[in-house]
Amino acid sequence: MSTTAIRSEGATGDARVGQIDMKLEVITLPVSDLDRAKEFYGGLAWRLDADFKSGNERAIQSLTGERDANWPAWYAEYMVRERSGQELPT
């Protein structure tokens, strides 16, 4: 099998790949106490976008917060403390 390069007459030698400003849009945060988590994120001035319940087993809340470069490290600490019942970080 062989390949053949084809060049258009209008093409320039300066082809560049565009950069896309990508942002994380959605993240799922499993929590053991939904009311506690809702109060916590509300205290961070996050906006409550949706609040759904399906029986006693499931609940879905959608919150929107401000961008924070320290989020990954803070979230890791939050999850460890939340799951072990320790005081949550602020």
N, C-alpha and C. Protein backbone atom coordinates (compact mmCIF):
# COMPACT_ATOMS: atom_id res chain seq x y z
N MET A 1 0.85 -1.17 0.00
CA MET A 1 0.00 0.00 0.00
C MET A 1 0.89 1.23 0.00
N SER A 2 0.49 2.25 -0.76
CA SER A 2 1.27 3.48 -0.81
C SER A 2 0.36 4.67 -0.56
N THR A 3 0.95 5.81 -0.25
CA THR A 3 0.20 7.04 -0.05
C THR A 3 0.73 8.10 -0.99
N THR A 4 -0.11 9.02 -1.35
CA THR A 4 0.28 10.11 -2.23
C THR A 4 -0.11 11.43 -1.59
N ALA A 5 0.83 12.34 -1.45
CA ALA A 5 0.55 13.66 -0.90
C ALA A 5 -0.10 14.52 -1.98
N ILE A 6 -1.18 15.19 -1.63
CA ILE A 6 -1.88 16.08 -2.57
C ILE A 6 -1.87 17.47 -1.97
N ARG A 7 -1.48 18.45 -2.76
CA ARG A 7 -1.42 19.83 -2.27
C ARG A 7 -2.36 20.69 -3.08
N SER A 8 -3.14 21.46 -2.43
CA SER A 8 -4.06 22.38 -3.10
C SER A 8 -3.29 23.62 -3.53
N GLU A 9 -3.71 24.19 -4.64
CA GLU A 9 -3.07 25.41 -5.13
C GLU A 9 -3.21 26.57 -4.14
N GLY A 10 -4.31 26.62 -3.39
CA GLY A 10 -4.57 27.73 -2.46
C GLY A 10 -3.95 27.54 -1.08
N ALA A 11 -3.33 26.38 -0.84
CA ALA A 11 -2.78 26.10 0.49
C ALA A 11 -1.53 26.91 0.73
N THR A 12 -1.34 27.29 1.96
CA THR A 12 -0.12 28.00 2.33
C THR A 12 0.79 27.06 3.10
N GLY A 13 2.03 27.39 3.19
CA GLY A 13 2.98 26.56 3.93
C GLY A 13 2.91 26.78 5.42
N ASP A 14 2.04 27.67 5.88
CA ASP A 14 1.99 28.04 7.29
C ASP A 14 0.69 27.54 7.93
N ALA A 15 0.43 26.25 7.85
CA ALA A 15 -0.77 25.70 8.47
C ALA A 15 -0.52 25.57 9.97
N ARG A 16 -1.47 26.03 10.77
CA ARG A 16 -1.32 25.99 12.23
C ARG A 16 -2.55 25.33 12.85
N VAL A 17 -2.31 24.66 13.93
CA VAL A 17 -3.41 24.06 14.68
C VAL A 17 -3.94 25.11 15.64
N GLY A 18 -5.24 25.36 15.60
CA GLY A 18 -5.84 26.34 16.50
C GLY A 18 -5.90 25.83 17.93
N GLN A 19 -5.88 26.72 18.87
CA GLN A 19 -5.99 26.37 20.27
C GLN A 19 -7.42 26.58 20.72
N ILE A 20 -7.90 25.66 21.53
CA ILE A 20 -9.25 25.73 22.06
C ILE A 20 -9.17 25.93 23.56
N ASP A 21 -9.87 26.92 24.08
CA ASP A 21 -9.92 27.16 25.52
C ASP A 21 -10.94 26.19 26.10
N MET A 22 -10.47 25.08 26.66
CA MET A 22 -11.37 24.06 27.18
C MET A 22 -11.53 24.20 28.68
N LYS A 23 -12.73 23.97 29.13
CA LYS A 23 -13.03 24.05 30.55
C LYS A 23 -13.86 22.84 30.95
N LEU A 24 -13.70 22.39 32.19
CA LEU A 24 -14.51 21.32 32.71
C LEU A 24 -15.92 21.85 32.93
N GLU A 25 -16.89 21.22 32.32
CA GLU A 25 -18.27 21.70 32.41
C GLU A 25 -19.08 20.96 33.47
N VAL A 26 -18.85 19.67 33.62
CA VAL A 26 -19.66 18.86 34.53
C VAL A 26 -18.75 17.91 35.30
N ILE A 27 -18.99 17.79 36.58
CA ILE A 27 -18.29 16.81 37.39
C ILE A 27 -19.29 16.21 38.37
N THR A 28 -19.23 14.92 38.55
CA THR A 28 -20.12 14.22 39.47
C THR A 28 -19.42 14.07 40.81
N LEU A 29 -20.08 14.52 41.86
CA LEU A 29 -19.52 14.43 43.21
C LEU A 29 -20.43 13.54 44.05
N PRO A 30 -20.05 12.29 44.27
CA PRO A 30 -20.87 11.45 45.14
C PRO A 30 -20.70 11.89 46.60
N VAL A 31 -21.80 12.06 47.30
CA VAL A 31 -21.75 12.47 48.71
C VAL A 31 -22.68 11.58 49.52
N SER A 32 -22.38 11.42 50.79
CA SER A 32 -23.21 10.59 51.66
C SER A 32 -24.34 11.39 52.30
N ASP A 33 -24.17 12.69 52.43
CA ASP A 33 -25.20 13.54 53.04
C ASP A 33 -25.48 14.71 52.08
N LEU A 34 -26.55 14.57 51.30
CA LEU A 34 -26.86 15.55 50.28
C LEU A 34 -27.16 16.93 50.86
N ASP A 35 -27.90 16.97 51.94
CA ASP A 35 -28.23 18.27 52.55
C ASP A 35 -26.98 18.98 53.06
N ARG A 36 -26.07 18.21 53.65
CA ARG A 36 -24.81 18.79 54.14
C ARG A 36 -23.99 19.35 52.98
N ALA A 37 -23.91 18.59 51.89
CA ALA A 37 -23.16 19.04 50.71
C ALA A 37 -23.80 20.28 50.10
N LYS A 38 -25.14 20.29 50.02
CA LYS A 38 -25.86 21.45 49.45
C LYS A 38 -25.60 22.70 50.29
N GLU A 39 -25.61 22.55 51.60
CA GLU A 39 -25.34 23.68 52.50
C GLU A 39 -23.90 24.16 52.33
N PHE A 40 -22.96 23.20 52.21
CA PHE A 40 -21.56 23.55 52.06
C PHE A 40 -21.32 24.34 50.78
N TYR A 41 -21.79 23.82 49.63
CA TYR A 41 -21.57 24.50 48.36
C TYR A 41 -22.34 25.81 48.28
N GLY A 42 -23.49 25.87 48.92
CA GLY A 42 -24.21 27.14 49.01
C GLY A 42 -23.41 28.17 49.76
N GLY A 43 -22.67 27.73 50.80
CA GLY A 43 -21.80 28.63 51.56
C GLY A 43 -20.63 29.16 50.75
N LEU A 44 -20.31 28.47 49.64
CA LEU A 44 -19.25 28.94 48.74
C LEU A 44 -19.82 29.85 47.65
N ALA A 45 -21.08 30.19 47.79
CA ALA A 45 -21.78 31.06 46.85
C ALA A 45 -21.99 30.38 45.49
N TRP A 46 -22.09 29.04 45.50
CA TRP A 46 -22.41 28.32 44.27
C TRP A 46 -23.90 28.45 44.01
N ARG A 47 -24.26 28.57 42.76
CA ARG A 47 -25.66 28.73 42.36
C ARG A 47 -26.30 27.35 42.19
N LEU A 48 -27.49 27.14 42.79
CA LEU A 48 -28.24 25.90 42.62
C LEU A 48 -29.02 25.99 41.31
N ASP A 49 -28.66 25.13 40.34
CA ASP A 49 -29.30 25.15 39.03
C ASP A 49 -30.46 24.17 38.94
N ALA A 50 -30.36 23.04 39.63
CA ALA A 50 -31.41 22.01 39.57
C ALA A 50 -31.37 21.18 40.84
N ASP A 51 -32.52 20.66 41.23
CA ASP A 51 -32.63 19.84 42.43
C ASP A 51 -33.73 18.81 42.19
N PHE A 52 -33.35 17.55 41.92
CA PHE A 52 -34.31 16.50 41.59
C PHE A 52 -34.21 15.36 42.59
N LYS A 53 -35.35 14.75 42.92
CA LYS A 53 -35.35 13.55 43.76
C LYS A 53 -36.16 12.47 43.05
N SER A 54 -35.68 11.24 43.16
CA SER A 54 -36.37 10.09 42.58
C SER A 54 -36.49 9.04 43.67
N GLY A 55 -37.58 9.06 44.40
CA GLY A 55 -37.75 8.12 45.50
C GLY A 55 -36.81 8.43 46.65
N ASN A 56 -36.52 7.41 47.46
CA ASN A 56 -35.62 7.58 48.61
C ASN A 56 -34.17 7.30 48.25
N GLU A 57 -33.93 6.69 47.09
CA GLU A 57 -32.60 6.24 46.73
C GLU A 57 -31.75 7.28 46.01
N ARG A 58 -32.33 8.09 45.14
CA ARG A 58 -31.55 8.97 44.28
C ARG A 58 -31.92 10.42 44.45
N ALA A 59 -30.92 11.24 44.31
CA ALA A 59 -31.13 12.69 44.30
C ALA A 59 -30.06 13.29 43.39
N ILE A 60 -30.45 14.28 42.63
CA ILE A 60 -29.52 14.95 41.73
C ILE A 60 -29.62 16.45 41.97
N GLN A 61 -28.48 17.05 42.18
CA GLN A 61 -28.42 18.50 42.30
C GLN A 61 -27.37 19.02 41.34
N SER A 62 -27.63 20.14 40.75
CA SER A 62 -26.68 20.76 39.84
C SER A 62 -26.35 22.13 40.39
N LEU A 63 -25.06 22.35 40.66
CA LEU A 63 -24.61 23.63 41.19
C LEU A 63 -23.50 24.18 40.29
N THR A 64 -23.41 25.47 40.23
CA THR A 64 -22.38 26.13 39.42
C THR A 64 -21.56 27.04 40.32
N GLY A 65 -20.25 26.89 40.24
CA GLY A 65 -19.36 27.71 41.06
C GLY A 65 -18.40 28.51 40.21
N GLU A 66 -17.62 29.31 40.86
CA GLU A 66 -16.61 30.12 40.19
C GLU A 66 -15.37 29.27 39.90
N ARG A 67 -14.60 29.66 38.90
CA ARG A 67 -13.37 28.95 38.54
C ARG A 67 -12.33 29.12 39.65
N ASP A 68 -11.64 28.02 39.98
CA ASP A 68 -10.63 28.06 41.03
C ASP A 68 -9.48 27.13 40.64
N ALA A 69 -8.29 27.69 40.49
CA ALA A 69 -7.12 26.91 40.08
C ALA A 69 -6.73 25.87 41.13
N ASN A 70 -7.12 26.06 42.40
CA ASN A 70 -6.77 25.12 43.47
C ASN A 70 -7.80 24.01 43.64
N TRP A 71 -8.80 23.96 42.77
CA TRP A 71 -9.90 23.02 42.93
C TRP A 71 -9.47 21.57 43.03
N PRO A 72 -8.59 21.02 42.16
CA PRO A 72 -8.26 19.59 42.25
C PRO A 72 -7.71 19.16 43.62
N ALA A 73 -6.78 19.91 44.18
CA ALA A 73 -6.20 19.56 45.48
C ALA A 73 -7.24 19.71 46.59
N TRP A 74 -8.04 20.77 46.52
CA TRP A 74 -9.06 20.99 47.54
C TRP A 74 -10.11 19.89 47.50
N TYR A 75 -10.54 19.52 46.29
CA TYR A 75 -11.56 18.48 46.15
C TYR A 75 -11.06 17.14 46.68
N ALA A 76 -9.81 16.79 46.42
CA ALA A 76 -9.25 15.54 46.92
C ALA A 76 -9.30 15.51 48.45
N GLU A 77 -8.92 16.61 49.07
CA GLU A 77 -8.97 16.70 50.54
C GLU A 77 -10.41 16.61 51.04
N TYR A 78 -11.31 17.29 50.35
CA TYR A 78 -12.73 17.26 50.73
C TYR A 78 -13.28 15.84 50.71
N MET A 79 -12.99 15.09 49.65
CA MET A 79 -13.52 13.74 49.51
C MET A 79 -12.99 12.83 50.62
N VAL A 80 -11.71 12.93 50.93
CA VAL A 80 -11.13 12.10 51.99
C VAL A 80 -11.81 12.41 53.31
N ARG A 81 -11.96 13.68 53.63
CA ARG A 81 -12.58 14.07 54.91
C ARG A 81 -14.07 13.74 54.94
N GLU A 82 -14.77 13.97 53.84
CA GLU A 82 -16.22 13.72 53.81
C GLU A 82 -16.51 12.25 54.03
N ARG A 83 -15.71 11.39 53.39
CA ARG A 83 -15.94 9.94 53.50
C ARG A 83 -15.53 9.39 54.85
N SER A 84 -14.61 10.06 55.54
CA SER A 84 -14.18 9.57 56.85
C SER A 84 -14.91 10.25 58.00
N GLY A 85 -15.84 11.16 57.67
CA GLY A 85 -16.62 11.82 58.70
C GLY A 85 -15.90 12.94 59.42
N GLN A 86 -14.76 13.39 58.88
CA GLN A 86 -14.01 14.48 59.50
C GLN A 86 -14.63 15.83 59.13
N GLU A 87 -14.19 16.86 59.85
CA GLU A 87 -14.63 18.22 59.53
C GLU A 87 -14.18 18.56 58.10
N LEU A 88 -15.07 19.16 57.34
CA LEU A 88 -14.78 19.46 55.94
C LEU A 88 -13.92 20.70 55.80
N PRO A 89 -13.03 20.71 54.79
CA PRO A 89 -12.19 21.90 54.58
C PRO A 89 -13.00 23.08 54.07
N THR A 90 -12.50 24.26 54.30
CA THR A 90 -13.20 25.46 53.81
C THR A 90 -12.35 26.16 52.78
